[in-house]
Protein backbone atom coordinates (compact mmCIF):
# COMPACT_ATOMS: atom_id res chain seq x y z
CA UNK A 1 83.49 -139.47 -101.21
CA UNK A 2 80.79 -141.01 -98.99
CA UNK A 3 78.53 -143.13 -101.20
CA UNK A 4 75.44 -142.63 -99.05
CA UNK A 5 75.77 -138.86 -99.36
CA UNK A 6 76.32 -139.21 -103.10
CA UNK A 7 73.22 -141.36 -103.47
CA UNK A 8 71.21 -138.79 -101.54
CA UNK A 9 72.23 -136.14 -104.05
CA UNK A 10 71.54 -138.64 -106.82
CA UNK A 11 67.96 -139.06 -105.62
CA UNK A 12 67.50 -135.31 -105.71
CA UNK A 13 68.94 -135.12 -109.19
CA UNK A 14 66.62 -137.84 -110.46
CA UNK A 15 63.61 -136.09 -108.99
CA UNK A 16 64.28 -132.92 -110.96
CA UNK A 17 63.66 -134.03 -114.55
CA UNK A 18 61.24 -136.87 -113.89
CA UNK A 19 58.61 -134.93 -111.92
CA UNK A 20 56.15 -133.25 -114.24
CA UNK A 21 54.14 -131.29 -111.69
CA UNK A 22 55.33 -128.63 -109.24
CA UNK A 23 53.71 -129.07 -105.83
CA UNK A 24 55.80 -126.27 -104.31
CA UNK A 25 56.72 -128.37 -101.28
CA UNK A 26 59.58 -127.38 -99.00
CA UNK A 27 61.44 -129.57 -96.54
CA UNK A 28 63.70 -127.46 -94.29
CA UNK A 29 65.75 -130.56 -93.44
CA UNK A 30 66.67 -131.28 -97.08
CA UNK A 31 68.71 -128.93 -99.27
CA UNK A 32 67.14 -127.46 -102.38
CA UNK A 33 68.30 -128.54 -105.80
CA UNK A 34 69.92 -125.13 -106.32
CA UNK A 35 71.81 -125.45 -103.05
CA UNK A 36 73.14 -128.88 -103.96
CA UNK A 37 74.01 -128.21 -107.60
CA UNK A 38 75.62 -124.83 -107.00
CA UNK A 39 78.36 -125.90 -104.62
CA UNK A 40 81.45 -128.04 -105.31
CA UNK A 41 80.57 -130.85 -102.90
CA UNK A 42 77.09 -131.27 -104.35
CA UNK A 43 78.28 -131.34 -107.95
CA UNK A 44 81.06 -133.81 -107.16
CA UNK A 45 78.52 -135.96 -105.33
CA UNK A 46 76.37 -135.96 -108.44
CA UNK A 47 79.38 -137.24 -110.40
CA UNK A 48 79.83 -140.05 -107.88
CA UNK A 49 76.12 -140.82 -108.03
CA UNK A 50 76.13 -140.95 -111.82
CA UNK A 51 78.72 -143.73 -111.72
CA UNK A 52 76.76 -145.63 -109.08
CA UNK A 53 73.55 -145.28 -111.07
CA UNK A 54 75.05 -146.69 -114.26
CA UNK A 55 76.76 -149.59 -112.48
CA UNK A 56 73.38 -150.65 -111.08
CA UNK A 57 71.35 -150.08 -114.26
CA UNK A 58 73.75 -151.94 -116.58
CA UNK A 59 72.49 -155.22 -115.09
CA UNK A 60 69.20 -154.74 -116.96
CA UNK A 61 71.03 -154.32 -120.27
CA UNK A 62 73.04 -157.48 -119.63
CA UNK A 63 70.08 -159.65 -118.59
CA UNK A 64 67.76 -158.39 -121.36
CA UNK A 65 70.43 -159.08 -123.98
CA UNK A 66 71.10 -162.43 -122.32
CA UNK A 67 67.47 -163.48 -122.72
CA UNK A 68 66.95 -162.36 -126.32
CA UNK A 69 70.37 -163.65 -127.46
CA UNK A 70 70.02 -167.02 -125.69
CA UNK A 71 72.82 -166.57 -123.18
CA UNK A 72 70.41 -167.15 -120.29
CA UNK A 73 66.99 -168.73 -119.89
CA UNK A 74 63.99 -168.12 -117.65
CA UNK A 75 62.98 -170.30 -114.73
CA UNK A 76 59.68 -172.15 -114.49
CA UNK A 77 58.34 -169.57 -112.01
CA UNK A 78 59.84 -166.50 -113.70
CA UNK A 79 57.72 -163.55 -114.78
CA UNK A 80 55.71 -164.23 -117.93
CA UNK A 81 57.58 -161.59 -119.94
CA UNK A 82 60.89 -163.35 -119.21
CA UNK A 83 59.39 -166.68 -120.22
CA UNK A 84 58.05 -165.17 -123.44
CA UNK A 85 61.50 -163.81 -124.28
CA UNK A 86 63.09 -167.16 -123.52
CA UNK A 87 60.64 -168.93 -125.83
CA UNK A 88 60.76 -166.29 -128.57
CA UNK A 89 57.07 -165.41 -128.22
CA UNK A 90 55.64 -161.99 -129.08
CA UNK A 91 56.57 -159.49 -126.36
CA UNK A 92 53.08 -158.04 -126.03
CA UNK A 93 52.69 -157.60 -122.28
CA UNK A 94 52.12 -153.99 -121.07
CA UNK A 95 54.98 -154.31 -118.59
CA UNK A 96 57.55 -156.20 -120.62
CA UNK A 97 60.50 -155.93 -118.27
CA UNK A 98 63.18 -156.87 -120.77
CA UNK A 99 62.17 -153.84 -122.88
CA UNK A 100 61.18 -151.43 -120.09
CA UNK A 101 64.05 -151.98 -117.68
CA UNK A 102 67.05 -151.11 -119.90
CA UNK A 103 65.08 -148.24 -121.47
CA UNK A 104 64.26 -146.71 -118.09
CA UNK A 105 67.73 -147.38 -116.70
CA UNK A 106 69.63 -145.80 -119.58
CA UNK A 107 67.39 -142.71 -119.54
CA UNK A 108 68.04 -142.29 -115.83
CA UNK A 109 71.74 -142.20 -116.69
CA UNK A 110 71.20 -139.74 -119.55
CA UNK A 111 69.12 -137.49 -117.31
CA UNK A 112 71.75 -137.47 -114.57
CA UNK A 113 74.54 -136.75 -117.03
CA UNK A 114 72.58 -133.77 -118.35
CA UNK A 115 72.09 -132.50 -114.79
CA UNK A 116 75.83 -132.80 -114.19
CA UNK A 117 76.75 -131.01 -117.42
CA UNK A 118 74.35 -128.18 -116.55
CA UNK A 119 75.76 -127.83 -113.02
CA UNK A 120 79.50 -127.79 -113.80
CA UNK A 121 79.64 -124.19 -115.13
CA UNK A 122 77.82 -122.91 -112.03
CA UNK A 123 80.67 -123.85 -109.69
CA UNK A 124 84.26 -122.65 -109.59
CA UNK A 125 86.40 -125.77 -110.00
CA UNK A 126 90.04 -126.36 -110.78
CA UNK A 127 90.28 -126.69 -114.58
CA UNK A 128 91.17 -130.38 -114.32
CA UNK A 129 88.23 -131.05 -112.03
CA UNK A 130 85.82 -129.37 -114.43
CA UNK A 131 87.26 -131.26 -117.41
CA UNK A 132 87.13 -134.55 -115.50
CA UNK A 133 83.48 -134.03 -114.56
CA UNK A 134 82.62 -132.98 -118.11
CA UNK A 135 84.35 -136.02 -119.61
CA UNK A 136 82.66 -138.29 -117.06
CA UNK A 137 79.18 -136.96 -117.88
CA UNK A 138 79.73 -137.22 -121.63
CA UNK A 139 81.23 -140.70 -121.30
CA UNK A 140 78.21 -142.06 -119.43
CA UNK A 141 75.72 -140.32 -121.69
CA UNK A 142 77.49 -141.69 -124.77
CA UNK A 143 77.62 -145.16 -123.24
CA UNK A 144 73.90 -145.08 -122.36
CA UNK A 145 72.90 -143.91 -125.85
CA UNK A 146 75.15 -146.55 -127.40
CA UNK A 147 73.45 -149.23 -125.31
CA UNK A 148 70.03 -148.03 -126.48
CA UNK A 149 71.24 -148.26 -130.09
CA UNK A 150 72.08 -151.94 -129.59
CA UNK A 151 68.55 -152.71 -128.39
CA UNK A 152 66.01 -150.41 -130.06
CA UNK A 153 65.44 -149.45 -133.69
CA UNK A 154 64.48 -145.86 -132.78
CA UNK A 155 64.63 -143.86 -129.55
CA UNK A 156 64.97 -140.27 -128.26
CA UNK A 157 68.41 -138.89 -127.46
CA UNK A 158 67.12 -135.89 -125.47
CA UNK A 159 65.33 -136.13 -122.12
CA UNK A 160 63.98 -133.92 -119.35
CA UNK A 161 61.12 -131.53 -118.72
CA UNK A 162 62.30 -129.32 -121.58
CA UNK A 163 61.69 -132.26 -123.94
CA UNK A 164 58.39 -133.85 -122.77
CA UNK A 165 57.67 -135.03 -126.32
CA UNK A 166 61.20 -135.77 -127.46
CA UNK A 167 61.61 -136.74 -131.11
CA UNK A 168 62.80 -140.22 -131.96
CA UNK A 169 65.96 -140.78 -134.01
CA UNK A 170 67.21 -143.79 -135.91
CA UNK A 171 69.74 -146.02 -134.28
CA UNK A 172 72.31 -144.77 -136.82
CA UNK A 173 71.75 -141.22 -135.56
CA UNK A 174 71.94 -142.51 -132.00
CA UNK A 175 75.29 -144.17 -132.64
CA UNK A 176 76.57 -140.97 -134.24
CA UNK A 177 75.51 -139.02 -131.14
CA UNK A 178 77.13 -141.56 -128.81
CA UNK A 179 80.41 -141.33 -130.72
CA UNK A 180 80.23 -137.53 -130.74
CA UNK A 181 79.87 -137.47 -126.95
CA UNK A 182 82.67 -139.97 -126.42
CA UNK A 183 85.03 -138.04 -128.67
CA UNK A 184 84.11 -134.81 -126.88
CA UNK A 185 84.92 -136.53 -123.58
CA UNK A 186 88.29 -137.58 -124.98
CA UNK A 187 88.99 -134.08 -126.28
CA UNK A 188 88.17 -132.55 -122.88
CA UNK A 189 90.78 -134.69 -121.14
CA UNK A 190 93.40 -134.13 -123.83
CA UNK A 191 92.95 -130.36 -123.54
CA UNK A 192 92.94 -130.41 -119.73
CA UNK A 193 93.84 -133.68 -117.96
CA UNK A 194 91.75 -134.65 -114.96
CA UNK A 195 92.94 -133.20 -111.66
CA UNK A 196 94.02 -135.03 -108.53
CA UNK A 197 90.86 -133.66 -106.92
CA UNK A 198 88.68 -135.34 -109.55
CA UNK A 199 90.56 -138.62 -109.30
CA UNK A 200 90.35 -138.73 -105.50
CA UNK A 201 86.89 -137.24 -104.89
CA UNK A 202 84.85 -138.35 -107.91
CA UNK A 203 86.32 -141.14 -110.00
CA UNK A 204 85.21 -144.55 -108.74
CA UNK A 205 87.83 -147.02 -107.56
CA UNK A 206 88.82 -149.40 -110.35
CA UNK A 207 87.45 -147.16 -113.10
CA UNK A 208 89.87 -145.93 -115.80
CA UNK A 209 88.09 -143.04 -117.53
CA UNK A 210 90.65 -142.37 -120.26
CA UNK A 211 90.97 -145.97 -121.47
CA UNK A 212 87.23 -146.59 -121.08
CA UNK A 213 86.52 -143.67 -123.42
CA UNK A 214 88.85 -145.13 -126.05
CA UNK A 215 87.35 -148.61 -125.64
CA UNK A 216 83.78 -147.34 -126.07
CA UNK A 217 84.74 -145.32 -129.15
CA UNK A 218 86.18 -148.54 -130.58
CA UNK A 219 83.08 -150.56 -129.59
CA UNK A 220 80.47 -148.24 -131.01
CA UNK A 221 82.48 -147.26 -134.10
CA UNK A 222 82.68 -150.96 -134.97
CA UNK A 223 78.91 -151.29 -134.54
CA UNK A 224 78.39 -148.18 -136.69
CA UNK A 225 80.58 -149.66 -139.43
CA UNK A 226 83.34 -147.05 -139.08
CA UNK A 227 86.22 -149.51 -139.19
CA UNK A 228 88.90 -146.83 -139.36
CA UNK A 229 87.72 -145.07 -136.21
CA UNK A 230 87.24 -148.41 -134.44
CA UNK A 231 90.79 -149.53 -135.24
CA UNK A 232 92.34 -146.18 -134.32
CA UNK A 233 90.57 -146.00 -130.96
CA UNK A 234 91.33 -149.65 -130.17
CA UNK A 235 95.00 -148.94 -130.84
CA UNK A 236 94.94 -146.19 -128.21
CA UNK A 237 93.72 -148.49 -125.40
CA UNK A 238 96.57 -149.38 -123.07
CA UNK A 239 97.12 -153.18 -123.02
CA UNK A 240 97.89 -153.13 -119.31
CA UNK A 241 94.91 -151.04 -118.22
CA UNK A 242 91.78 -152.40 -116.56
CA UNK A 243 88.47 -150.69 -115.90
CA UNK A 244 85.57 -152.11 -113.95
CA UNK A 245 82.41 -151.35 -112.00
CA UNK A 246 82.95 -152.46 -108.40
CA UNK A 247 80.36 -153.48 -105.81
CA UNK A 248 80.09 -154.14 -102.09
CA UNK A 249 77.93 -156.04 -99.64
CA UNK A 250 75.73 -152.95 -99.27
CA UNK A 251 75.58 -152.33 -103.03
CA UNK A 252 75.75 -155.76 -104.63
CA UNK A 253 76.51 -156.88 -108.16
CA UNK A 254 73.26 -156.27 -110.10
CA UNK A 255 73.54 -159.43 -112.21
CA UNK A 256 73.65 -161.61 -109.11
CA UNK A 257 70.92 -159.52 -107.46
CA UNK A 258 68.60 -159.94 -110.44
CA UNK A 259 69.22 -163.64 -110.93
CA UNK A 260 69.52 -164.87 -107.36
CA UNK A 261 68.28 -162.35 -104.80
CA UNK A 262 64.97 -161.32 -106.38
CA UNK A 263 62.98 -164.52 -105.85
CA UNK A 264 61.80 -167.11 -108.34
CA UNK A 265 59.77 -164.56 -110.31
CA UNK A 266 63.06 -163.10 -111.60
CA UNK A 267 64.90 -166.40 -111.91
CA UNK A 268 67.29 -166.57 -114.87
CA UNK A 269 70.26 -168.89 -115.36
CA UNK A 270 72.81 -169.72 -118.10
CA UNK A 271 71.43 -171.71 -121.01
CA UNK A 272 73.14 -175.09 -121.26
CA UNK A 273 73.96 -174.42 -124.92
CA UNK A 274 76.79 -172.13 -123.76
CA UNK A 275 78.51 -175.12 -122.17
CA UNK A 276 77.46 -177.81 -124.63
CA UNK A 277 78.38 -175.88 -127.80
CA UNK A 278 81.83 -174.80 -126.58
CA UNK A 279 85.01 -175.99 -128.27
CA UNK A 280 86.36 -179.01 -126.36
CA UNK A 281 88.82 -177.90 -123.70
CA UNK A 282 87.72 -174.24 -123.60
CA UNK A 283 88.42 -173.31 -119.98
CA UNK A 284 86.22 -170.21 -120.17
CA UNK A 285 83.18 -172.43 -119.73
CA UNK A 286 84.17 -173.34 -116.18
CA UNK A 287 84.98 -169.71 -115.45
CA UNK A 288 81.44 -168.59 -116.29
CA UNK A 289 79.11 -171.54 -115.55
CA UNK A 290 78.67 -174.66 -113.46
CA UNK A 291 77.01 -177.69 -115.03
CA UNK A 292 73.58 -178.22 -113.48
CA UNK A 293 70.00 -179.12 -114.33
CA UNK A 294 68.05 -176.14 -113.03
CA UNK A 295 64.45 -176.44 -114.30
CA UNK A 296 63.84 -173.90 -117.05
CA UNK A 297 60.73 -172.68 -118.86
CA UNK A 298 62.12 -173.83 -122.23
CA UNK A 299 65.00 -176.15 -121.29
CA UNK A 300 67.17 -177.08 -118.28
CA UNK A 301 69.71 -174.46 -117.26
CA UNK A 302 73.17 -174.33 -115.66
CA UNK A 303 74.30 -172.19 -112.71
CA UNK A 304 76.53 -169.13 -112.75
CA UNK A 305 80.11 -169.60 -111.61
CA UNK A 306 81.39 -166.08 -112.20
CA UNK A 307 78.99 -164.38 -109.75
CA UNK A 308 78.67 -165.50 -106.15
CA UNK A 309 76.63 -164.33 -103.14
CA UNK A 310 79.71 -163.28 -101.16
CA UNK A 311 82.36 -161.98 -103.54
CA UNK A 312 80.32 -159.22 -105.25
CA UNK A 313 82.65 -159.46 -108.24
CA UNK A 314 83.14 -156.43 -110.49
CA UNK A 315 81.66 -156.05 -113.97
CA UNK A 316 84.29 -155.08 -116.55
CA UNK A 317 83.65 -151.84 -118.41
CA UNK A 318 85.57 -153.60 -121.19
CA UNK A 319 88.31 -156.21 -121.39
CA UNK A 320 91.46 -156.00 -123.44
CA UNK A 321 90.42 -159.17 -125.22
CA UNK A 322 87.39 -157.26 -126.51
CA UNK A 323 89.86 -154.73 -127.91
CA UNK A 324 91.89 -157.52 -129.55
CA UNK A 325 88.74 -158.95 -131.11
CA UNK A 326 87.64 -155.52 -132.37
CA UNK A 327 91.00 -155.14 -134.09
CA UNK A 328 90.78 -158.69 -135.45
CA UNK A 329 87.33 -157.99 -136.88
CA UNK A 330 88.53 -154.80 -138.57
CA UNK A 331 91.40 -156.71 -140.18
CA UNK A 332 89.12 -159.56 -141.24
CA UNK A 333 86.47 -157.30 -142.77
CA UNK A 334 89.23 -155.51 -144.66
CA UNK A 335 90.51 -158.84 -146.02
CA UNK A 336 93.72 -158.85 -143.93
CA UNK A 337 93.36 -162.39 -142.61
CA UNK A 338 96.92 -162.92 -141.32
CA UNK A 339 96.83 -160.10 -138.73
CA UNK A 340 93.27 -161.10 -137.83
CA UNK A 341 94.36 -164.68 -137.07
CA UNK A 342 97.30 -163.41 -135.00
CA UNK A 343 94.97 -161.37 -132.78
CA UNK A 344 92.51 -164.24 -132.46
CA UNK A 345 95.38 -166.45 -131.32
CA UNK A 346 96.37 -163.89 -128.69
CA UNK A 347 92.92 -164.54 -127.22
CA UNK A 348 92.70 -168.30 -127.81
CA UNK A 349 96.07 -169.31 -126.41
CA UNK A 350 95.90 -167.53 -123.04
CA UNK A 351 96.19 -169.96 -120.12
CA UNK A 352 96.03 -169.53 -116.37
CA UNK A 353 99.21 -170.62 -114.56
CA UNK A 354 98.95 -174.25 -113.36
CA UNK A 355 97.27 -174.61 -109.99
CA UNK A 356 95.71 -171.14 -109.99
CA UNK A 357 92.16 -169.89 -110.41
CA UNK A 358 92.01 -167.39 -113.28
CA UNK A 359 90.77 -163.91 -112.49
CA UNK A 360 89.77 -163.49 -116.15
CA UNK A 361 88.30 -165.93 -118.67
CA UNK A 362 91.18 -167.78 -120.33
CA UNK A 363 90.45 -170.39 -123.03
CA UNK A 364 93.80 -172.22 -123.17
CA UNK A 365 93.11 -173.42 -126.73
CA UNK A 366 95.39 -174.26 -129.65
CA UNK A 367 96.05 -171.50 -132.21
CA UNK A 368 94.27 -171.35 -135.54
CA UNK A 369 96.09 -171.08 -138.88
CA UNK A 370 95.54 -170.47 -142.56
CA UNK A 371 95.01 -174.23 -142.82
CA UNK A 372 92.25 -174.44 -140.21
CA UNK A 373 90.72 -171.06 -141.14
CA UNK A 374 91.63 -170.29 -144.76
CA UNK A 375 88.77 -167.98 -145.79
CA UNK A 376 87.44 -164.62 -144.66
CA UNK A 377 84.18 -166.27 -143.55
CA UNK A 378 86.11 -168.86 -141.52
CA UNK A 379 87.94 -166.07 -139.70
CA UNK A 380 84.78 -164.02 -139.10
CA UNK A 381 82.99 -167.10 -137.76
CA UNK A 382 85.90 -167.66 -135.37
CA UNK A 383 85.75 -164.02 -134.20
CA UNK A 384 82.05 -164.42 -133.39
CA UNK A 385 82.79 -167.64 -131.49
CA UNK A 386 85.54 -165.96 -129.49
CA UNK A 387 83.29 -163.01 -128.71
CA UNK A 388 80.56 -165.39 -127.57
CA UNK A 389 82.84 -167.11 -125.05
CA UNK A 390 85.13 -164.24 -124.10
CA UNK A 391 82.39 -161.62 -123.67
CA UNK A 392 79.67 -163.78 -122.10
CA UNK A 393 77.09 -161.68 -120.21
CA UNK A 394 78.62 -158.40 -121.32
CA UNK A 395 75.48 -157.12 -123.07
CA UNK A 396 77.04 -157.43 -126.54
CA UNK A 397 75.84 -160.73 -128.03
CA UNK A 398 72.52 -159.37 -129.43
CA UNK A 399 74.40 -156.76 -131.45
CA UNK A 400 77.05 -159.33 -132.40
CA UNK A 401 74.35 -161.59 -133.86
CA UNK A 402 73.00 -158.67 -135.87
CA UNK A 403 76.42 -157.53 -137.14
CA UNK A 404 77.51 -161.04 -138.13
CA UNK A 405 74.25 -161.71 -139.99
CA UNK A 406 73.02 -164.47 -137.68
CA UNK A 407 69.33 -165.26 -137.02
CA UNK A 408 67.70 -163.04 -134.41
CA UNK A 409 64.97 -164.11 -132.02
CA UNK A 410 63.71 -160.51 -132.10
CA UNK A 411 64.76 -157.96 -134.68
CA UNK A 412 64.53 -155.22 -132.02
CA UNK A 413 63.17 -154.82 -128.52
CA UNK A 414 59.75 -153.13 -128.48
CA UNK A 415 59.39 -149.51 -127.41
CA UNK A 416 57.95 -149.56 -123.85
CA UNK A 417 54.18 -149.10 -123.61
CA UNK A 418 54.53 -146.08 -121.33
CA UNK A 419 56.60 -144.26 -123.96
CA UNK A 420 54.04 -145.11 -126.63
CA UNK A 421 51.25 -143.69 -124.49
CA UNK A 422 52.98 -140.48 -123.40
CA UNK A 423 55.07 -139.47 -126.40
CA UNK A 424 53.14 -138.63 -129.60
CA UNK A 425 56.41 -138.80 -131.54
CA UNK A 426 56.82 -142.53 -130.86
CA UNK A 427 56.96 -144.37 -134.22
CA UNK A 428 54.41 -146.92 -135.42
CA UNK A 429 54.27 -149.46 -138.23
CA UNK A 430 56.19 -152.49 -136.96
CA UNK A 431 55.82 -155.00 -134.13
CA UNK A 432 58.73 -153.46 -132.22
CA UNK A 433 57.24 -149.96 -132.54
CA UNK A 434 54.02 -148.58 -131.05
CA UNK A 435 50.56 -149.57 -132.19
CA UNK A 436 49.13 -147.21 -134.79
């Protein structure tokens, strides 16, 4: 489907729930919302636009996590809120981008997914097209809510004009809602597999909906502490499957756009600690970063190797090594250290063929054993290290630090000032909440 047309419908969809006043304006050259969302082409375009919206907004999740979890640092001319986050100062600016940007971006995704879910029953689709669209909407809404749960202590899970003062829920309730949506998406496709029409007209190239659903169930179940569900879902992910968000020259990779194309005020680069603290010989370092001395607000920084101005590389929805490490963590937390070490070694010992440039991060390290890692804590420490280097700039390190009991620069990101001002249900009583 034509992306420009899809983005036009996307703009219309975003205008619906975010505009609080009705000016009763009519443009005869632009279709009404009812006209767009009550015909098959319009609804399918909204599905295409939902995918495009998430793939652009996820960059804010990745860079905000990168700053607070010390994956990246801020440049000497970067915005003050980025410099504060780099230094670990109080995030007290009214427009704190690292808190506002992922919040706004994920709620745009949630709003669009709600619009899509509301529109599907109004159009006569093939059963597999309807189930595919339903699963897609629930997948992205579950993913967006899960991302919010990794960043904020409390947040709303309902949006739109029907919920102008949406209640806040705990992050535990948010994770439960994310998992509910993801399991409902899975159930929809099991009951009625996606049609050829959905796969050709809606599903983005390179995106594997079925395996992505399983991977996100595994990811968020692990975060929620449901080890059984995490292990079961991880076991359903196909080892040979890949799923990614793809970009083009006209719609570039958002991580590169934020770090390199937005001027010095946005400048962020890899912290040198990623390179300097790596295990000797870990080839993933060269995959992700290039040694440099870029001036930083706190310390010198390196350059990115994995994102370039011409290639517009994809962002993985997940990698199979994340799935291996989820399974390893489940085994380790259950005291089954042998299987955990085996899965860690499946990650550690991967090597690119001689003379080739790897298309994925491959460490090419020696295996561990019960001699090198005899205790449960040794194995858990190794899992965190492998996640740090395998899943660099994936938006997961902040939650990993929390789950593994490591020191946090910030316990939670603060609720954006605009939400505090407009929503009387916003909580107070802590530095990451609203002022009382």
